[in-house]
Amino acid sequence: MDTYANYHAKYVKLAPGALEALNEIRNMAEHMGLITDADTPYTNKVLEALGIKQFFDSITTAEDAGVGKPNPEIFKMALRYSKSNPKVYIGDSEFRDVKGAKSVGMLTIKIGDDTTEADYKAPNLLEAIKILKTLTL
């Protein structure tokens, strides 16, 4: 696993506009968390390599929760860390992200151009910020 994590940490890159978006969300949100299907050591290594770990108040991994997305338990665990209302989840997977977050009552923003059951849809993270600005965080 360490080789896999090291490889990803070496070659992973942020999407265009992602750092700007993270900065803006960080300034808007009372709590900014990350929910991931990855394990904790891998997640930490990749976030540190990207230079974005400091943006998150909490990081909930599948390893921590004992289940992955869309299982409601990983979302419930993450929600225990958050004080902000409304609880908004931004993700790019209809099945893992939207289904899981909606199962615990979170508002959802789906990144991408496909059809979605999410509450809101945005083509990218920067456009999702425009939606966030209409919500009370």
Protein backbone atom coordinates (compact mmCIF):
# COMPACT_ATOMS: atom_id res chain seq x y z
CA MET A 1 0.00 0.00 0.00
CA ASP A 2 2.83 2.38 0.76
CA THR A 3 4.11 2.09 -2.82
CA TYR A 4 0.63 2.82 -4.15
CA ALA A 5 0.23 5.84 -1.87
CA ASN A 6 3.72 7.11 -2.75
CA TYR A 7 2.98 6.79 -6.48
CA HIS A 8 -0.25 8.73 -6.16
CA ALA A 9 1.32 11.34 -3.91
CA LYS A 10 4.03 11.88 -6.54
CA TYR A 11 1.72 12.22 -9.55
CA VAL A 12 -1.63 13.50 -8.24
CA LYS A 13 -2.62 17.00 -9.32
CA LEU A 14 -5.45 19.31 -8.36
CA ALA A 15 -8.07 20.08 -10.98
CA PRO A 16 -7.92 23.58 -12.46
CA GLY A 17 -9.54 26.04 -10.07
CA ALA A 18 -9.63 23.55 -7.18
CA LEU A 19 -7.25 25.46 -4.90
CA GLU A 20 -9.13 28.70 -5.47
CA ALA A 21 -12.41 26.90 -4.75
CA LEU A 22 -11.08 25.29 -1.56
CA ASN A 23 -9.88 28.68 -0.33
CA GLU A 24 -13.24 30.26 -1.00
CA ILE A 25 -15.23 27.44 0.61
CA ARG A 26 -12.90 27.49 3.62
CA ASN A 27 -13.65 31.19 4.08
CA MET A 28 -17.42 30.60 3.82
CA ALA A 29 -17.96 27.42 5.80
CA GLU A 30 -18.01 27.03 9.55
CA HIS A 31 -16.86 23.43 9.09
CA MET A 32 -15.23 21.85 6.05
CA GLY A 33 -14.90 18.09 6.10
CA LEU A 34 -13.80 15.37 3.73
CA ILE A 35 -15.39 11.94 3.40
CA THR A 36 -13.41 9.39 1.40
CA ASP A 37 -13.49 5.70 0.52
CA ALA A 38 -9.71 5.57 0.88
CA ASP A 39 -7.81 4.47 3.98
CA THR A 40 -6.30 6.95 6.42
CA PRO A 41 -2.57 6.67 5.57
CA TYR A 42 -3.25 6.97 1.83
CA THR A 43 -5.60 9.94 2.33
CA ASN A 44 -3.13 11.79 4.55
CA LYS A 45 -0.24 11.21 2.16
CA VAL A 46 -2.16 12.43 -0.89
CA LEU A 47 -3.67 15.46 0.88
CA GLU A 48 -0.24 16.46 2.15
CA ALA A 49 1.29 16.02 -1.32
CA LEU A 50 -1.42 18.25 -2.77
CA GLY A 51 -0.87 20.80 0.01
CA ILE A 52 -4.56 20.87 0.97
CA LYS A 53 -4.84 18.90 4.21
CA GLN A 54 -5.03 22.11 6.25
CA PHE A 55 -8.31 23.08 4.59
CA PHE A 56 -10.26 20.34 6.37
CA ASP A 57 -11.57 20.49 9.91
CA SER A 58 -12.29 16.78 9.76
CA ILE A 59 -11.38 13.86 7.52
CA THR A 60 -13.51 10.72 7.67
CA THR A 61 -12.13 7.69 5.85
CA ALA A 62 -13.68 4.33 5.08
CA GLU A 63 -11.04 2.88 7.38
CA ASP A 64 -12.29 5.08 10.25
CA ALA A 65 -15.94 4.22 9.67
CA GLY A 66 -15.47 0.55 8.79
CA VAL A 67 -17.63 1.11 5.70
CA GLY A 68 -17.37 3.08 2.49
CA LYS A 69 -19.72 5.34 0.61
CA PRO A 70 -22.69 5.23 0.04
CA ASN A 71 -23.22 3.45 3.38
CA PRO A 72 -24.97 5.97 5.65
CA GLU A 73 -22.65 5.12 8.56
CA ILE A 74 -19.63 6.89 7.04
CA PHE A 75 -21.76 10.01 6.50
CA LYS A 76 -23.20 9.81 10.04
CA MET A 77 -19.70 9.57 11.45
CA ALA A 78 -18.61 12.64 9.49
CA LEU A 79 -21.71 14.58 10.55
CA ARG A 80 -20.80 14.11 14.21
CA TYR A 81 -17.81 16.40 13.59
CA SER A 82 -19.76 19.18 11.89
CA LYS A 83 -21.44 22.11 13.62
CA SER A 84 -22.52 23.94 10.46
CA ASN A 85 -26.06 24.11 9.09
CA PRO A 86 -27.16 23.29 6.55
CA LYS A 87 -25.00 20.25 6.04
CA VAL A 88 -23.98 20.32 2.37
CA TYR A 89 -22.11 17.57 0.53
CA ILE A 90 -20.33 18.19 -2.76
CA GLY A 91 -19.39 15.13 -4.79
CA ASP A 92 -18.99 13.76 -8.27
CA SER A 93 -20.50 10.29 -7.92
CA GLU A 94 -24.25 9.85 -8.15
CA PHE A 95 -24.13 6.47 -6.38
CA ARG A 96 -21.44 6.98 -3.73
CA ASP A 97 -21.79 10.69 -3.00
CA VAL A 98 -25.33 11.82 -3.77
CA LYS A 99 -27.07 8.64 -2.63
CA GLY A 100 -25.03 8.41 0.57
CA ALA A 101 -25.32 12.05 1.57
CA LYS A 102 -29.04 12.24 0.83
CA SER A 103 -29.63 9.09 2.93
CA VAL A 104 -28.64 11.09 6.03
CA GLY A 105 -30.49 14.27 5.08
CA MET A 106 -27.64 16.34 3.68
CA LEU A 107 -28.14 18.84 0.86
CA THR A 108 -26.21 17.65 -2.15
CA ILE A 109 -24.36 19.35 -4.98
CA LYS A 110 -23.35 17.03 -7.81
CA ILE A 111 -20.30 18.00 -9.85
CA GLY A 112 -20.65 16.98 -13.50
CA ASP A 113 -22.95 17.24 -16.45
CA ASP A 114 -24.99 14.07 -16.11
CA THR A 115 -28.53 13.64 -14.81
CA THR A 116 -28.72 13.63 -11.03
CA GLU A 117 -30.99 13.23 -8.04
CA ALA A 118 -28.89 15.82 -6.19
CA ASP A 119 -30.47 18.97 -4.83
CA TYR A 120 -28.17 21.06 -7.02
CA LYS A 121 -25.89 20.44 -9.98
CA ALA A 122 -22.71 22.28 -11.04
CA PRO A 123 -20.24 21.59 -13.85
CA ASN A 124 -17.25 22.17 -11.53
CA LEU A 125 -16.26 23.16 -8.02
CA LEU A 126 -16.03 26.86 -8.81
CA GLU A 127 -19.64 26.82 -10.04
CA ALA A 128 -20.67 24.90 -6.91
CA ILE A 129 -19.48 27.90 -4.87
CA LYS A 130 -22.16 30.04 -6.52
CA ILE A 131 -24.72 27.58 -5.16
CA LEU A 132 -23.10 27.58 -1.71
CA LYS A 133 -23.36 31.36 -1.59
CA THR A 134 -27.14 31.07 -1.86
CA LEU A 135 -27.24 28.80 1.21
CA THR A 136 -26.71 29.80 4.81
CA LEU A 137 -23.53 28.07 5.90
